[in-house]
């Protein structure tokens, strides 16, 4: 079993009154993350379907420190069914519980993200060439269907564009708490963010989802974040501190913060994360025909596990 991340001692508390505990954790967290971001961007995996003990430990270590790992599958091919099967094996090896019950999910809970004109996908940004703003996955899910981890795997890259950015939710928390601890209180309110109900177009109605931006998983004592930067189909709690907190977070996400990772994934590359904040630029905008870009996504109920 790999060692636990020393920046999270058993007695660590997210209590805003624990200034000393927070300062100690913050220092270790930012130092460890900075050291990790100075290492090679991608972890090379000889075969994503059969990762080695060392590869497993490196994946877990990076996810413990920075909540994300960028990887490169050296045995990659572009066969859709083959990639799907191999990603499922990857997830199983890491002890991840498939959570995807999306209307577009295919065999094994995998969703293929590519430009589409099909009735169930047309008009939704993930199936278009348009940019996607900052968000965590499953921000519209109810509390019993939380997304705690995900894989986003590039099967075929775009001709141009399709750049992703990633930010660790714990770093976002640090930026907000350092600016004003009241921002954390506001965004931890149980009614901080409301996503209205939505007609899924297949006879099902996704119910309204109300909850905090920041919460702590009682089983792992790790921070969880639920967020979207979209301005439509969302309602923020109507108080001054919430508005100020969201405005500040918007500034952080638009900044050149050194902890924001920027990557344009190529075929065989991907990210596994504990539901980090992420976005995507538009792609192939000048190409009149449908883009060949294909990403595969799997979402999970639990965090990445060690051995």
Foldseek 3Di string as FASTA:
>chain_A
DDDADPLDPPPQDPDLVCPVSVVSSVVSLVVLLVVVVVDDQAAEAAALLDGDQVSQVVQVVNCNRFQKHKYFHPPDALDPVVVVVSVLSNCVVQVFAFQAPDPQADPPNKHKFFADPDPLPPPPVSNHLAKFFKWFPPLFDAPVRDFFKKKKAWSAFWPDFWKKKWHRVVVLVVQLVVVPVVLVVLQQPQQFKKQDWDDSVPPDIRHIYGGGQWDADPVPRDIDGGDGPDDPRMDGDPDDSSVVSNVSSVVVRVDVPVRMDMGRDHRRMMMMGRRTIMITHGGPPVPPDTTPIIMMMTTGDDGGHRD
